[in-house]
Every structure is written in C-alpha cells, then in structure tokens.
Amino acid sequence: MCFKVILFDLDGTIANSMPLLKKTFQNVFGDMGIPWDETHMTNLSTLPVKESAKIYAEKRVKEFLTSFMKHYLSEHNKLMEMFPGTRELLELLKSHSFRLGIVTSKTRAGAMACLDFLEITTLMDVIITVDDAANHKPHPDPLIKALELLSASKEETLFIGDSPPDLVAAKSAGIPVAYVTWGAGNNEDALQYKPDYIIENWNQLTDLILTP
C-alpha cells in the first residue's frame, strides 16, 4: 500500500495515558460520592468524557466535567508519557513527507494539553477532537473530517488505534486501519473487528509503510 497520510488515535496509541485517566476518574468518583469499580475503566477509557458523565452522573454532568478537568490537569504532567519510540517514529515519518494527524475522543483542551506536554503538536498536520465533529468514534465523522481538512483520499490514508471504536470508525469511513496491541483495548475483542493490520511495535509499522 502507498500511504501518504497517517492518522493516530491518541490515548492508548501514542500516549500512555491509562495511569492518568485512572487516577483522574478515581478522584472524580471520590469527589462526587460515586462508588468506584475497576471495571468502569473499560467504558471510561474509550468514551468521550461527556458521555461518561451522562452515564455515571446523569443529573450532575457539569459537576462531573468540572471535577474531571481539575484533576486531569493537576495530575497530567506527573503521569502522562508517550509509549517508547513514538517520538522517533513521528519524526521519521515527517522526514519521509508523510502528513500526520490525531483523531481522538478527547476534548480539544485535553488533547492539546497532552500534545503540547509531549512536544509533538508541531508534528501534526491536523488534530480532530470530540469538539470538532458532529459525532464521535465509533462514528466515521471525525475521520472523514480529518480527510476533508487534509484534502486526502481514503486509499492513501492509514488510521492507527487501540480499541474497537477506532476500528469501527475506520471501517465505516472506508479507511484502512491498523490495531496496536499495547493500548487500553482488549486484544481478543478488538480482533473480532478484523483490522487490516496488527502492529505489535512501531518497527512493524515502519516496515509496512516505508518498505518499497
């Protein structure tokens, strides 16, 4: 395949954000007196925060969101990090003239806090957050929006994610999709959605897209 555009999910794909998200949600649930259960993380790690607020604090959504941002930002710089080799990968792809982008279900404020802290904002040609499209993943809208802004075709684009919503969104948009095995998703569940490629380390991705 001759890819020219590589789009990435953020949490669980580029950013090892699970420790931060877990700590943040534990603090939010504590603030609001909501019983905490480790099984909540399956939903909380893949849904936009607004959707999580509606599920766990139906009548206190604004309070939930305010508490989330307070704790997220206070813990962010202590717990946020990139998966090993990610910066080197992004810089290598840019040196080969790939256009890069982020398609995430984070808010724009949360996404930019992450990207700026990791110092990779300037490597991205497009950043699509939950605030930038009518629907969020697993709906294809965010990916289609990214292609429109880049004037890119589906055939020349590869989306990389770590969860079933990522895979469903790409499949629905008609975009080839690669699944990374190190993220928040359950590998057995995700593989049922038949990703086009399975990536166990970044070297496999470079072999896929840089090999003539």
Protein backbone atom coordinates (compact mmCIF):
# COMPACT_ATOMS: atom_id res chain seq x y z
CA MET A 1 0.00 0.00 0.00
CA CYS A 2 1.19 3.51 -0.79
CA PHE A 3 0.10 5.54 2.22
CA LYS A 4 0.71 9.27 2.35
CA VAL A 5 -1.36 10.18 5.42
CA ILE A 6 -1.10 8.50 8.83
CA LEU A 7 -3.78 9.32 11.40
CA PHE A 8 -3.42 8.26 15.02
CA ASP A 9 -5.74 7.81 17.95
CA LEU A 10 -4.19 9.50 20.99
CA ASP A 11 -4.92 7.73 24.30
CA GLY A 12 -3.54 4.20 24.30
CA THR A 13 -1.92 4.56 20.88
CA ILE A 14 0.56 7.43 21.14
CA ALA A 15 0.05 8.48 24.76
CA ASN A 16 0.33 6.03 27.64
CA SER A 17 -2.47 7.82 29.42
CA MET A 18 -4.16 5.00 31.32
CA PRO A 19 -2.46 5.77 34.66
CA LEU A 20 -3.54 9.42 34.32
CA LEU A 21 -7.11 8.58 33.30
CA LYS A 22 -7.50 6.03 36.09
CA LYS A 23 -6.21 8.42 38.76
CA THR A 24 -8.38 11.25 37.39
CA PHE A 25 -11.57 9.21 37.33
CA GLN A 26 -10.91 7.76 40.77
CA ASN A 27 -10.62 11.32 42.10
CA VAL A 28 -13.78 12.43 40.26
CA PHE A 29 -15.79 9.50 41.58
CA GLY A 30 -14.47 10.25 45.09
CA ASP A 31 -15.43 13.93 44.79
CA MET A 32 -18.94 13.02 43.73
CA GLY A 33 -19.51 10.10 46.07
CA ILE A 34 -19.88 7.60 43.22
CA PRO A 35 -18.76 4.06 44.14
CA TRP A 36 -15.58 3.15 42.26
CA ASP A 37 -15.14 -0.18 40.49
CA GLU A 38 -12.10 -1.14 38.41
CA THR A 39 -14.40 -2.49 35.68
CA HIS A 40 -15.54 1.08 34.98
CA MET A 41 -12.27 1.71 33.13
CA THR A 42 -13.41 -0.32 30.13
CA ASN A 43 -16.01 2.35 29.34
CA LEU A 44 -14.14 5.33 30.75
CA SER A 45 -11.01 4.74 28.66
CA THR A 46 -12.84 4.66 25.32
CA LEU A 47 -15.80 7.04 25.68
CA PRO A 48 -15.62 10.84 25.49
CA VAL A 49 -15.71 12.34 28.97
CA LYS A 50 -19.10 13.95 28.27
CA GLU A 51 -20.58 10.53 27.51
CA SER A 52 -19.05 9.09 30.67
CA ALA A 53 -20.54 11.95 32.68
CA LYS A 54 -24.01 11.18 31.31
CA ILE A 55 -23.65 7.53 32.27
CA TYR A 56 -22.23 7.89 35.77
CA ALA A 57 -23.62 11.28 36.86
CA GLU A 58 -26.80 11.73 34.85
CA LYS A 59 -28.09 14.74 36.81
CA ARG A 60 -24.66 16.20 37.69
CA VAL A 61 -22.92 16.26 34.31
CA LYS A 62 -21.46 19.77 34.68
CA GLU A 63 -20.07 18.94 38.12
CA PHE A 64 -18.54 15.72 36.75
CA LEU A 65 -16.86 17.55 33.86
CA THR A 66 -15.53 20.34 36.10
CA SER A 67 -14.08 17.81 38.52
CA PHE A 68 -12.56 15.83 35.66
CA MET A 69 -10.70 18.79 34.17
CA LYS A 70 -9.45 19.91 37.60
CA HIS A 71 -7.94 16.53 38.42
CA TYR A 72 -6.83 15.76 34.85
CA LEU A 73 -4.80 18.94 34.59
CA SER A 74 -3.39 18.69 38.13
CA GLU A 75 -2.10 15.14 37.56
CA HIS A 76 -1.27 15.50 33.84
CA ASN A 77 2.41 16.39 33.94
CA LYS A 78 3.16 13.80 36.61
CA LEU A 79 1.55 10.83 34.89
CA MET A 80 1.38 11.49 31.13
CA GLU A 81 4.03 9.92 28.89
CA MET A 82 4.48 8.59 25.38
CA PHE A 83 4.93 4.95 24.54
CA PRO A 84 8.61 4.15 23.84
CA GLY A 85 9.84 5.02 20.38
CA THR A 86 6.84 7.16 19.46
CA ARG A 87 8.66 10.45 19.04
CA GLU A 88 11.29 8.79 16.88
CA LEU A 89 8.56 7.24 14.77
CA LEU A 90 6.75 10.54 14.21
CA GLU A 91 9.95 12.36 13.31
CA LEU A 92 10.91 9.57 10.90
CA LEU A 93 7.53 9.73 9.17
CA LYS A 94 7.75 13.51 8.82
CA SER A 95 11.23 13.15 7.32
CA HIS A 96 9.64 10.94 4.66
CA SER A 97 7.00 13.60 3.91
CA PHE A 98 4.05 11.79 5.46
CA ARG A 99 1.23 14.01 6.64
CA LEU A 100 0.27 13.15 10.21
CA GLY A 101 -2.81 13.72 12.30
CA ILE A 102 -4.60 12.95 15.55
CA VAL A 103 -8.23 11.79 15.71
CA THR A 104 -9.25 11.49 19.35
CA SER A 105 -12.35 11.41 21.52
CA LYS A 106 -10.66 13.75 23.99
CA THR A 107 -11.85 17.34 24.25
CA ARG A 108 -9.70 19.89 22.44
CA ALA A 109 -8.46 21.24 25.77
CA GLY A 110 -7.44 17.78 26.93
CA ALA A 111 -5.88 16.81 23.61
CA MET A 112 -3.84 19.99 23.33
CA ALA A 113 -2.64 19.70 26.93
CA CYS A 114 -1.39 16.22 26.08
CA LEU A 115 0.19 17.04 22.72
CA ASP A 116 1.84 20.23 23.97
CA PHE A 117 3.27 18.47 27.03
CA LEU A 118 4.64 15.65 24.88
CA GLU A 119 6.02 18.30 22.49
CA ILE A 120 4.57 16.73 19.34
CA THR A 121 1.92 19.31 18.40
CA THR A 122 4.05 20.77 15.62
CA LEU A 123 4.44 17.34 14.02
CA MET A 124 0.70 17.14 13.36
CA ASP A 125 -0.95 18.46 10.22
CA VAL A 126 -4.47 18.00 11.60
CA ILE A 127 -5.94 17.47 15.07
CA ILE A 128 -9.55 16.32 15.35
CA THR A 129 -11.13 16.14 18.81
CA VAL A 130 -14.59 15.35 20.10
CA ASP A 131 -15.34 19.09 19.79
CA ASP A 132 -14.64 19.17 16.05
CA ALA A 133 -17.16 16.74 14.55
CA ALA A 134 -20.90 16.19 14.85
CA ASN A 135 -20.38 12.63 16.11
CA HIS A 136 -17.54 10.83 17.85
CA LYS A 137 -15.92 7.45 17.26
CA PRO A 138 -17.14 4.78 16.50
CA HIS A 139 -18.97 7.08 14.05
CA PRO A 140 -16.81 7.82 10.98
CA ASP A 141 -17.39 11.61 11.13
CA PRO A 142 -14.09 12.52 12.87
CA LEU A 143 -12.02 10.58 10.34
CA ILE A 144 -13.95 11.99 7.40
CA LYS A 145 -13.41 15.49 8.84
CA ALA A 146 -9.66 14.87 9.00
CA LEU A 147 -9.58 13.75 5.36
CA GLU A 148 -11.52 16.82 4.30
CA LEU A 149 -9.12 19.18 6.07
CA LEU A 150 -6.13 17.41 4.53
CA SER A 151 -7.74 17.05 1.08
CA ALA A 152 -6.69 13.39 1.34
CA SER A 153 -8.23 10.27 -0.13
CA LYS A 154 -9.29 7.23 1.88
CA GLU A 155 -6.99 4.97 -0.12
CA GLU A 156 -3.85 6.93 0.76
CA THR A 157 -4.71 7.14 4.47
CA LEU A 158 -3.98 4.73 7.33
CA PHE A 159 -5.64 5.11 10.75
CA ILE A 160 -3.98 3.59 13.80
CA GLY A 161 -5.85 2.89 17.04
CA ASP A 162 -6.10 0.62 20.05
CA SER A 163 -9.81 -0.03 20.59
CA PRO A 164 -12.97 -1.34 18.89
CA PRO A 165 -14.38 2.22 18.41
CA ASP A 166 -11.23 3.08 16.44
CA LEU A 167 -11.62 0.04 14.23
CA VAL A 168 -15.34 0.53 13.66
CA ALA A 169 -14.87 4.22 12.80
CA ALA A 170 -12.19 3.45 10.23
CA LYS A 171 -14.12 0.56 8.70
CA SER A 172 -17.24 2.74 8.45
CA ALA A 173 -15.22 5.51 6.80
CA GLY A 174 -13.64 3.10 4.33
CA ILE A 175 -10.14 3.83 5.63
CA PRO A 176 -7.51 1.09 6.15
CA VAL A 177 -6.89 0.59 9.86
CA ALA A 178 -4.05 -0.79 11.97
CA TYR A 179 -4.60 -2.05 15.50
CA VAL A 180 -1.84 -1.60 18.10
CA THR A 181 -1.73 -4.30 20.76
CA TRP A 182 -0.28 -2.21 23.62
CA GLY A 183 -3.23 0.11 24.30
CA ALA A 184 -6.30 0.12 26.51
CA GLY A 185 -8.34 -2.22 24.33
CA ASN A 186 -8.82 -5.93 24.83
CA ASN A 187 -6.93 -7.66 22.01
CA GLU A 188 -9.37 -10.55 21.71
CA ASP A 189 -12.35 -8.21 21.47
CA ALA A 190 -10.64 -5.85 19.03
CA LEU A 191 -9.50 -8.56 16.64
CA GLN A 192 -13.14 -9.54 16.07
CA TYR A 193 -13.41 -6.30 14.08
CA LYS A 194 -10.79 -7.54 11.63
CA PRO A 195 -8.23 -4.71 11.44
CA ASP A 196 -6.31 -4.59 8.19
CA TYR A 197 -3.03 -4.68 10.07
CA ILE A 198 -1.91 -5.69 13.57
CA ILE A 199 1.01 -3.71 15.00
CA GLU A 200 2.92 -5.09 17.97
CA ASN A 201 5.71 -2.49 17.83
CA TRP A 202 6.46 0.65 15.83
CA ASN A 203 9.10 -1.15 13.76
CA GLN A 204 6.33 -3.21 12.20
CA LEU A 205 4.58 -0.02 11.14
CA THR A 206 7.69 1.43 9.53
CA ASP A 207 8.28 -1.86 7.72
CA LEU A 208 4.70 -1.69 6.45
CA ILE A 209 4.67 1.84 5.13
CA LEU A 210 8.32 2.51 4.26
CA THR A 211 9.24 -0.73 2.52
CA PRO A 212 9.09 -0.23 -1.28
